[in-house]
Amino acid sequence: GYATIYGDMAGGYNPLKDAYKMTVFAIAK
């Protein structure tokens, strides 16, 4: 729940929706 409804959750699509944070670090590197 560390996301703000009607805030940073607003939008049409999310490429990271099913990516855990450590996965984000891995793909960024």
Full PDB file with SEQRES, HELIX, SHEET, SSBOND, CRYST1, ORIGX, SCALE, CONECT and MASTER records, all heavy atoms in Angstrom:
SEQRES   1 A   29  GLY TYR ALA THR ILE TYR GLY ASP MET ALA GLY GLY TYR          
SEQRES   2 A   29  ASN PRO LEU LYS ASP ALA TYR LYS MET THR VAL PHE ALA          
SEQRES   3 A   29  ILE ALA LYS                                                  
HELIX    1 AA1 LYS A   21  ALA A   28  1                                   8    
CRYST1    1.000    1.000    1.000  90.00  90.00  90.00 P 1           1          
ORIGX1      1.000000  0.000000  0.000000        0.00000                         
ORIGX2      0.000000  1.000000  0.000000        0.00000                         
ORIGX3      0.000000  0.000000  1.000000        0.00000                         
SCALE1      1.000000  0.000000  0.000000        0.00000                         
SCALE2      0.000000  1.000000  0.000000        0.00000                         
SCALE3      0.000000  0.000000  1.000000        0.00000                         
ATOM      1  N   GLY A   1       0.791  -1.235   0.000  1.00  0.00           N  
ATOM      2  CA  GLY A   1       0.000   0.000   0.000  1.00  0.00           C  
ATOM      3  C   GLY A   1       0.813   1.269   0.000  1.00  0.00           C  
ATOM      4  O   GLY A   1       0.269   2.346   0.267  1.00  0.00           O  
ATOM      5  N   TYR A   2       2.120   1.187  -0.307  1.00  0.00           N  
ATOM      6  CA  TYR A   2       2.948   2.392  -0.343  1.00  0.00           C  
ATOM      7  C   TYR A   2       2.826   3.063  -1.712  1.00  0.00           C  
ATOM      8  O   TYR A   2       3.770   3.192  -2.486  1.00  0.00           O  
ATOM      9  CB  TYR A   2       4.403   2.050  -0.014  1.00  0.00           C  
ATOM     10  CG  TYR A   2       4.674   2.010   1.477  1.00  0.00           C  
ATOM     11  CD1 TYR A   2       3.861   1.243   2.322  1.00  0.00           C  
ATOM     12  CD2 TYR A   2       5.711   2.728   2.061  1.00  0.00           C  
ATOM     13  CE1 TYR A   2       4.091   1.204   3.685  1.00  0.00           C  
ATOM     14  CE2 TYR A   2       5.949   2.682   3.430  1.00  0.00           C  
ATOM     15  CZ  TYR A   2       5.131   1.920   4.231  1.00  0.00           C  
ATOM     16  OH  TYR A   2       5.348   1.881   5.591  1.00  0.00           O  
ATOM     17  N   ALA A   3       1.618   3.446  -1.996  1.00  0.00           N  
ATOM     18  CA  ALA A   3       1.270   4.141  -3.227  1.00  0.00           C  
ATOM     19  C   ALA A   3       0.016   4.935  -2.923  1.00  0.00           C  
ATOM     20  O   ALA A   3      -0.823   4.507  -2.133  1.00  0.00           O  
ATOM     21  CB  ALA A   3       1.019   3.156  -4.364  1.00  0.00           C  
ATOM     22  N   THR A   4      -0.111   6.096  -3.545  1.00  0.00           N  
ATOM     23  CA  THR A   4      -1.222   6.997  -3.228  1.00  0.00           C  
ATOM     24  C   THR A   4      -2.305   6.866  -4.274  1.00  0.00           C  
ATOM     25  O   THR A   4      -2.091   7.172  -5.451  1.00  0.00           O  
ATOM     26  CB  THR A   4      -0.731   8.457  -3.165  1.00  0.00           C  
ATOM     27  OG1 THR A   4       0.350   8.546  -2.225  1.00  0.00           O  
ATOM     28  CG2 THR A   4      -1.856   9.380  -2.731  1.00  0.00           C  
ATOM     29  N   ILE A   5      -3.455   6.411  -3.837  1.00  0.00           N  
ATOM     30  CA  ILE A   5      -4.594   6.298  -4.742  1.00  0.00           C  
ATOM     31  C   ILE A   5      -5.009   7.696  -5.191  1.00  0.00           C  
ATOM     32  O   ILE A   5      -5.015   8.642  -4.394  1.00  0.00           O  
ATOM     33  CB  ILE A   5      -5.741   5.526  -4.053  1.00  0.00           C  
ATOM     34  CG1 ILE A   5      -6.740   5.036  -5.081  1.00  0.00           C  
ATOM     35  CG2 ILE A   5      -6.380   6.316  -2.938  1.00  0.00           C  
ATOM     36  CD1 ILE A   5      -7.674   3.980  -4.540  1.00  0.00           C  
ATOM     37  N   TYR A   6      -5.271   7.850  -6.473  1.00  0.00           N  
ATOM     38  CA  TYR A   6      -5.561   9.134  -7.131  1.00  0.00           C  
ATOM     39  C   TYR A   6      -4.346  10.069  -7.145  1.00  0.00           C  
ATOM     40  O   TYR A   6      -4.471  11.234  -7.466  1.00  0.00           O  
ATOM     41  CB  TYR A   6      -6.761   9.851  -6.492  1.00  0.00           C  
ATOM     42  CG  TYR A   6      -7.861   8.921  -6.073  1.00  0.00           C  
ATOM     43  CD1 TYR A   6      -8.320   8.893  -4.757  1.00  0.00           C  
ATOM     44  CD2 TYR A   6      -8.420   8.030  -6.981  1.00  0.00           C  
ATOM     45  CE1 TYR A   6      -9.322   8.015  -4.361  1.00  0.00           C  
ATOM     46  CE2 TYR A   6      -9.407   7.142  -6.588  1.00  0.00           C  
ATOM     47  CZ  TYR A   6      -9.852   7.136  -5.276  1.00  0.00           C  
ATOM     48  OH  TYR A   6     -10.823   6.251  -4.896  1.00  0.00           O  
ATOM     49  N   GLY A   7      -3.188   9.512  -6.802  1.00  0.00           N  
ATOM     50  CA  GLY A   7      -1.949  10.278  -6.861  1.00  0.00           C  
ATOM     51  C   GLY A   7      -0.984   9.614  -7.812  1.00  0.00           C  
ATOM     52  O   GLY A   7      -1.188   9.622  -9.028  1.00  0.00           O  
ATOM     53  N   ASP A   8       0.069   8.964  -7.261  1.00  0.00           N  
ATOM     54  CA  ASP A   8       1.023   8.300  -8.141  1.00  0.00           C  
ATOM     55  C   ASP A   8       0.459   7.026  -8.760  1.00  0.00           C  
ATOM     56  O   ASP A   8       1.100   6.416  -9.620  1.00  0.00           O  
ATOM     57  CB  ASP A   8       2.331   8.008  -7.403  1.00  0.00           C  
ATOM     58  CG  ASP A   8       2.148   7.147  -6.165  1.00  0.00           C  
ATOM     59  OD1 ASP A   8       1.024   7.023  -5.671  1.00  0.00           O  
ATOM     60  OD2 ASP A   8       3.154   6.590  -5.682  1.00  0.00           O  
ATOM     61  N   MET A   9      -0.750   6.606  -8.342  1.00  0.00           N  
ATOM     62  CA  MET A   9      -1.403   5.464  -8.984  1.00  0.00           C  
ATOM     63  C   MET A   9      -2.244   5.874 -10.187  1.00  0.00           C  
ATOM     64  O   MET A   9      -2.742   5.013 -10.919  1.00  0.00           O  
ATOM     65  CB  MET A   9      -2.299   4.725  -7.979  1.00  0.00           C  
ATOM     66  CG  MET A   9      -1.537   3.914  -6.942  1.00  0.00           C  
ATOM     67  SD  MET A   9      -2.650   3.164  -5.724  1.00  0.00           S  
ATOM     68  CE  MET A   9      -3.670   2.135  -6.785  1.00  0.00           C  
ATOM     69  N   ALA A  10      -2.414   7.167 -10.413  1.00  0.00           N  
ATOM     70  CA  ALA A  10      -3.226   7.626 -11.543  1.00  0.00           C  
ATOM     71  C   ALA A  10      -2.499   7.344 -12.847  1.00  0.00           C  
ATOM     72  O   ALA A  10      -1.300   7.574 -12.958  1.00  0.00           O  
ATOM     73  CB  ALA A  10      -3.517   9.120 -11.408  1.00  0.00           C  
ATOM     74  N   GLY A  11      -3.234   6.860 -13.836  1.00  0.00           N  
ATOM     75  CA  GLY A  11      -2.626   6.636 -15.142  1.00  0.00           C  
ATOM     76  C   GLY A  11      -3.276   5.506 -15.892  1.00  0.00           C  
ATOM     77  O   GLY A  11      -4.260   4.905 -15.437  1.00  0.00           O  
ATOM     78  N   GLY A  12      -2.729   5.199 -17.070  1.00  0.00           N  
ATOM     79  CA  GLY A  12      -3.332   4.231 -17.963  1.00  0.00           C  
ATOM     80  C   GLY A  12      -2.645   2.892 -18.019  1.00  0.00           C  
ATOM     81  O   GLY A  12      -3.267   1.897 -18.404  1.00  0.00           O  
ATOM     82  N   TYR A  13      -1.357   2.822 -17.663  1.00  0.00           N  
ATOM     83  CA  TYR A  13      -0.629   1.556 -17.739  1.00  0.00           C  
ATOM     84  C   TYR A  13       0.609   1.647 -16.867  1.00  0.00           C  
ATOM     85  O   TYR A  13       1.154   2.730 -16.651  1.00  0.00           O  
ATOM     86  CB  TYR A  13      -0.202   1.263 -19.182  1.00  0.00           C  
ATOM     87  CG  TYR A  13       0.075  -0.201 -19.454  1.00  0.00           C  
ATOM     88  CD1 TYR A  13      -0.967  -1.098 -19.661  1.00  0.00           C  
ATOM     89  CD2 TYR A  13       1.383  -0.695 -19.499  1.00  0.00           C  
ATOM     90  CE1 TYR A  13      -0.719  -2.443 -19.916  1.00  0.00           C  
ATOM     91  CE2 TYR A  13       1.642  -2.037 -19.747  1.00  0.00           C  
ATOM     92  CZ  TYR A  13       0.582  -2.910 -19.957  1.00  0.00           C  
ATOM     93  OH  TYR A  13       0.827  -4.241 -20.198  1.00  0.00           O  
ATOM     94  N   ASN A  14       1.039   0.479 -16.349  1.00  0.00           N  
ATOM     95  CA  ASN A  14       2.193   0.444 -15.453  1.00  0.00           C  
ATOM     96  C   ASN A  14       3.114  -0.719 -15.823  1.00  0.00           C  
ATOM     97  O   ASN A  14       2.796  -1.870 -15.545  1.00  0.00           O  
ATOM     98  CB  ASN A  14       1.733   0.296 -13.998  1.00  0.00           C  
ATOM     99  CG  ASN A  14       2.907   0.315 -13.024  1.00  0.00           C  
ATOM    100  OD1 ASN A  14       4.057   0.448 -13.417  1.00  0.00           O  
ATOM    101  ND2 ASN A  14       2.605   0.188 -11.748  1.00  0.00           N  
ATOM    102  N   PRO A  15       4.257  -0.449 -16.440  1.00  0.00           N  
ATOM    103  CA  PRO A  15       5.180  -1.528 -16.802  1.00  0.00           C  
ATOM    104  C   PRO A  15       5.732  -2.299 -15.607  1.00  0.00           C  
ATOM    105  O   PRO A  15       6.142  -3.449 -15.747  1.00  0.00           O  
ATOM    106  CB  PRO A  15       6.322  -0.804 -17.531  1.00  0.00           C  
ATOM    107  CG  PRO A  15       5.774   0.520 -17.918  1.00  0.00           C  
ATOM    108  CD  PRO A  15       4.747   0.867 -16.888  1.00  0.00           C  
ATOM    109  N   LEU A  16       5.750  -1.664 -14.421  1.00  0.00           N  
ATOM    110  CA  LEU A  16       6.359  -2.285 -13.241  1.00  0.00           C  
ATOM    111  C   LEU A  16       5.332  -2.939 -12.323  1.00  0.00           C  
ATOM    112  O   LEU A  16       5.692  -3.387 -11.231  1.00  0.00           O  
ATOM    113  CB  LEU A  16       7.136  -1.230 -12.435  1.00  0.00           C  
ATOM    114  CG  LEU A  16       8.229  -0.454 -13.155  1.00  0.00           C  
ATOM    115  CD1 LEU A  16       8.937   0.472 -12.175  1.00  0.00           C  
ATOM    116  CD2 LEU A  16       9.222  -1.392 -13.827  1.00  0.00           C  
ATOM    117  N   LYS A  17       4.097  -3.028 -12.731  1.00  0.00           N  
ATOM    118  CA  LYS A  17       3.039  -3.495 -11.837  1.00  0.00           C  
ATOM    119  C   LYS A  17       3.348  -4.857 -11.222  1.00  0.00           C  
ATOM    120  O   LYS A  17       3.013  -5.123 -10.067  1.00  0.00           O  
ATOM    121  CB  LYS A  17       1.708  -3.565 -12.584  1.00  0.00           C  
ATOM    122  CG  LYS A  17       0.540  -3.992 -11.709  1.00  0.00           C  
ATOM    123  CD  LYS A  17      -0.776  -3.930 -12.453  1.00  0.00           C  
ATOM    124  CE  LYS A  17      -1.931  -4.348 -11.548  1.00  0.00           C  
ATOM    125  NZ  LYS A  17      -3.242  -4.241 -12.231  1.00  0.00           N  
ATOM    126  N   ASP A  18       3.988  -5.749 -11.974  1.00  0.00           N  
ATOM    127  CA  ASP A  18       4.266  -7.100 -11.483  1.00  0.00           C  
ATOM    128  C   ASP A  18       5.752  -7.323 -11.221  1.00  0.00           C  
ATOM    129  O   ASP A  18       6.203  -8.463 -11.148  1.00  0.00           O  
ATOM    130  CB  ASP A  18       3.742  -8.125 -12.494  1.00  0.00           C  
ATOM    131  CG  ASP A  18       3.485  -9.492 -11.876  1.00  0.00           C  
ATOM    132  OD1 ASP A  18       3.215  -9.558 -10.660  1.00  0.00           O  
ATOM    133  OD2 ASP A  18       3.559 -10.500 -12.608  1.00  0.00           O  
ATOM    134  N   ALA A  19       6.497  -6.228 -11.051  1.00  0.00           N  
ATOM    135  CA  ALA A  19       7.945  -6.327 -10.808  1.00  0.00           C  
ATOM    136  C   ALA A  19       8.253  -5.890  -9.378  1.00  0.00           C  
ATOM    137  O   ALA A  19       7.991  -4.746  -8.998  1.00  0.00           O  
ATOM    138  CB  ALA A  19       8.709  -5.442 -11.789  1.00  0.00           C  
ATOM    139  N   TYR A  20       8.800  -6.800  -8.580  1.00  0.00           N  
ATOM    140  CA  TYR A  20       9.234  -6.437  -7.240  1.00  0.00           C  
ATOM    141  C   TYR A  20      10.423  -5.469  -7.315  1.00  0.00           C  
ATOM    142  O   TYR A  20      11.076  -5.338  -8.346  1.00  0.00           O  
ATOM    143  CB  TYR A  20       9.634  -7.688  -6.455  1.00  0.00           C  
ATOM    144  CG  TYR A  20       8.461  -8.566  -6.064  1.00  0.00           C  
ATOM    145  CD1 TYR A  20       8.257  -9.807  -6.662  1.00  0.00           C  
ATOM    146  CD2 TYR A  20       7.555  -8.151  -5.102  1.00  0.00           C  
ATOM    147  CE1 TYR A  20       7.190 -10.615  -6.300  1.00  0.00           C  
ATOM    148  CE2 TYR A  20       6.476  -8.950  -4.723  1.00  0.00           C  
ATOM    149  CZ  TYR A  20       6.303 -10.181  -5.329  1.00  0.00           C  
ATOM    150  OH  TYR A  20       5.239 -10.964  -4.979  1.00  0.00           O  
ATOM    151  N   LYS A  21      10.676  -4.790  -6.195  1.00  0.00           N  
ATOM    152  CA  LYS A  21      11.714  -3.760  -6.183  1.00  0.00           C  
ATOM    153  C   LYS A  21      13.085  -4.319  -6.568  1.00  0.00           C  
ATOM    154  O   LYS A  21      13.838  -3.669  -7.306  1.00  0.00           O  
ATOM    155  CB  LYS A  21      11.793  -3.116  -4.798  1.00  0.00           C  
ATOM    156  CG  LYS A  21      12.687  -1.874  -4.734  1.00  0.00           C  
ATOM    157  CD  LYS A  21      12.042  -0.682  -5.405  1.00  0.00           C  
ATOM    158  CE  LYS A  21      12.833   0.584  -5.171  1.00  0.00           C  
ATOM    159  NZ  LYS A  21      12.113   1.786  -5.607  1.00  0.00           N  
ATOM    160  N   MET A  22      13.414  -5.519  -6.111  1.00  0.00           N  
ATOM    161  CA  MET A  22      14.715  -6.073  -6.453  1.00  0.00           C  
ATOM    162  C   MET A  22      14.797  -6.394  -7.949  1.00  0.00           C  
ATOM    163  O   MET A  22      15.871  -6.332  -8.540  1.00  0.00           O  
ATOM    164  CB  MET A  22      15.004  -7.318  -5.607  1.00  0.00           C  
ATOM    165  CG  MET A  22      15.102  -7.031  -4.108  1.00  0.00           C  
ATOM    166  SD  MET A  22      16.238  -5.684  -3.663  1.00  0.00           S  
ATOM    167  CE  MET A  22      17.809  -6.401  -4.148  1.00  0.00           C  
ATOM    168  N   THR A  23      13.659  -6.718  -8.550  1.00  0.00           N  
ATOM    169  CA  THR A  23      13.618  -6.894 -10.003  1.00  0.00           C  
ATOM    170  C   THR A  23      13.864  -5.570 -10.702  1.00  0.00           C  
ATOM    171  O   THR A  23      14.563  -5.506 -11.727  1.00  0.00           O  
ATOM    172  CB  THR A  23      12.270  -7.484 -10.437  1.00  0.00           C  
ATOM    173  OG1 THR A  23      12.070  -8.741  -9.790  1.00  0.00           O  
ATOM    174  CG2 THR A  23      12.208  -7.677 -11.943  1.00  0.00           C  
ATOM    175  N   VAL A  24      13.304  -4.498 -10.156  1.00  0.00           N  
ATOM    176  CA  VAL A  24      13.538  -3.167 -10.715  1.00  0.00           C  
ATOM    177  C   VAL A  24      15.024  -2.829 -10.689  1.00  0.00           C  
ATOM    178  O   VAL A  24      15.587  -2.341 -11.679  1.00  0.00           O  
ATOM    179  CB  VAL A  24      12.718  -2.100  -9.953  1.00  0.00           C  
ATOM    180  CG1 VAL A  24      13.079  -0.697 -10.430  1.00  0.00           C  
ATOM    181  CG2 VAL A  24      11.226  -2.354 -10.127  1.00  0.00           C  
ATOM    182  N   PHE A  25      15.678  -3.084  -9.572  1.00  0.00           N  
ATOM    183  CA  PHE A  25      17.128  -2.838  -9.497  1.00  0.00           C  
ATOM    184  C   PHE A  25      17.870  -3.665 -10.548  1.00  0.00           C  
ATOM    185  O   PHE A  25      18.791  -3.168 -11.213  1.00  0.00           O  
ATOM    186  CB  PHE A  25      17.655  -3.190  -8.104  1.00  0.00           C  
ATOM    187  CG  PHE A  25      17.346  -2.169  -7.037  1.00  0.00           C  
ATOM    188  CD1 PHE A  25      16.655  -2.527  -5.890  1.00  0.00           C  
ATOM    189  CD2 PHE A  25      17.744  -0.847  -7.169  1.00  0.00           C  
ATOM    190  CE1 PHE A  25      16.363  -1.595  -4.910  1.00  0.00           C  
ATOM    191  CE2 PHE A  25      17.459   0.090  -6.191  1.00  0.00           C  
ATOM    192  CZ  PHE A  25      16.763  -0.290  -5.062  1.00  0.00           C  
ATOM    193  N   ALA A  26      17.462  -4.915 -10.703  1.00  0.00           N  
ATOM    194  CA  ALA A  26      18.151  -5.808 -11.643  1.00  0.00           C  
ATOM    195  C   ALA A  26      18.006  -5.338 -13.086  1.00  0.00           C  
ATOM    196  O   ALA A  26      18.982  -5.322 -13.842  1.00  0.00           O  
ATOM    197  CB  ALA A  26      17.629  -7.238 -11.487  1.00  0.00           C  
ATOM    198  N   ILE A  27      16.784  -4.947 -13.477  1.00  0.00           N  
ATOM    199  CA  ILE A  27      16.600  -4.540 -14.875  1.00  0.00           C  
ATOM    200  C   ILE A  27      17.234  -3.177 -15.139  1.00  0.00           C  
ATOM    201  O   ILE A  27      17.710  -2.916 -16.249  1.00  0.00           O  
ATOM    202  CB  ILE A  27      15.111  -4.558 -15.295  1.00  0.00           C  
ATOM    203  CG1 ILE A  27      14.280  -3.564 -14.495  1.00  0.00           C  
ATOM    204  CG2 ILE A  27      14.543  -5.961 -15.223  1.00  0.00           C  
ATOM    205  CD1 ILE A  27      12.846  -3.427 -15.007  1.00  0.00           C  
ATOM    206  N   ALA A  28      17.255  -2.305 -14.112  1.00  0.00           N  
ATOM    207  CA  ALA A  28      17.919  -1.004 -14.292  1.00  0.00           C  
ATOM    208  C   ALA A  28      19.416  -1.185 -14.504  1.00  0.00           C  
ATOM    209  O   ALA A  28      20.015  -0.573 -15.405  1.00  0.00           O  
ATOM    210  CB  ALA A  28      17.645  -0.110 -13.090  1.00  0.00           C  
ATOM    211  N   LYS A  29      20.017  -2.032 -13.700  1.00  0.00           N  
ATOM    212  CA  LYS A  29      21.454  -2.296 -13.857  1.00  0.00           C  
ATOM    213  C   LYS A  29      21.724  -2.938 -15.218  1.00  0.00           C  
ATOM    214  O   LYS A  29      22.669  -2.553 -15.920  1.00  0.00           O  
ATOM    215  CB  LYS A  29      21.938  -3.211 -12.725  1.00  0.00           C  
ATOM    216  CG  LYS A  29      23.442  -3.474 -12.737  1.00  0.00           C  
ATOM    217  CD  LYS A  29      23.850  -4.309 -11.526  1.00  0.00           C  
ATOM    218  CE  LYS A  29      25.367  -4.487 -11.462  1.00  0.00           C  
ATOM    219  NZ  LYS A  29      25.901  -5.203 -12.629  1.00  0.00           N  
TER     220      LYS A  29                                                      
MASTER        0    0    0    1    0    0    0    6  219    1    0    3          
END                                                                             
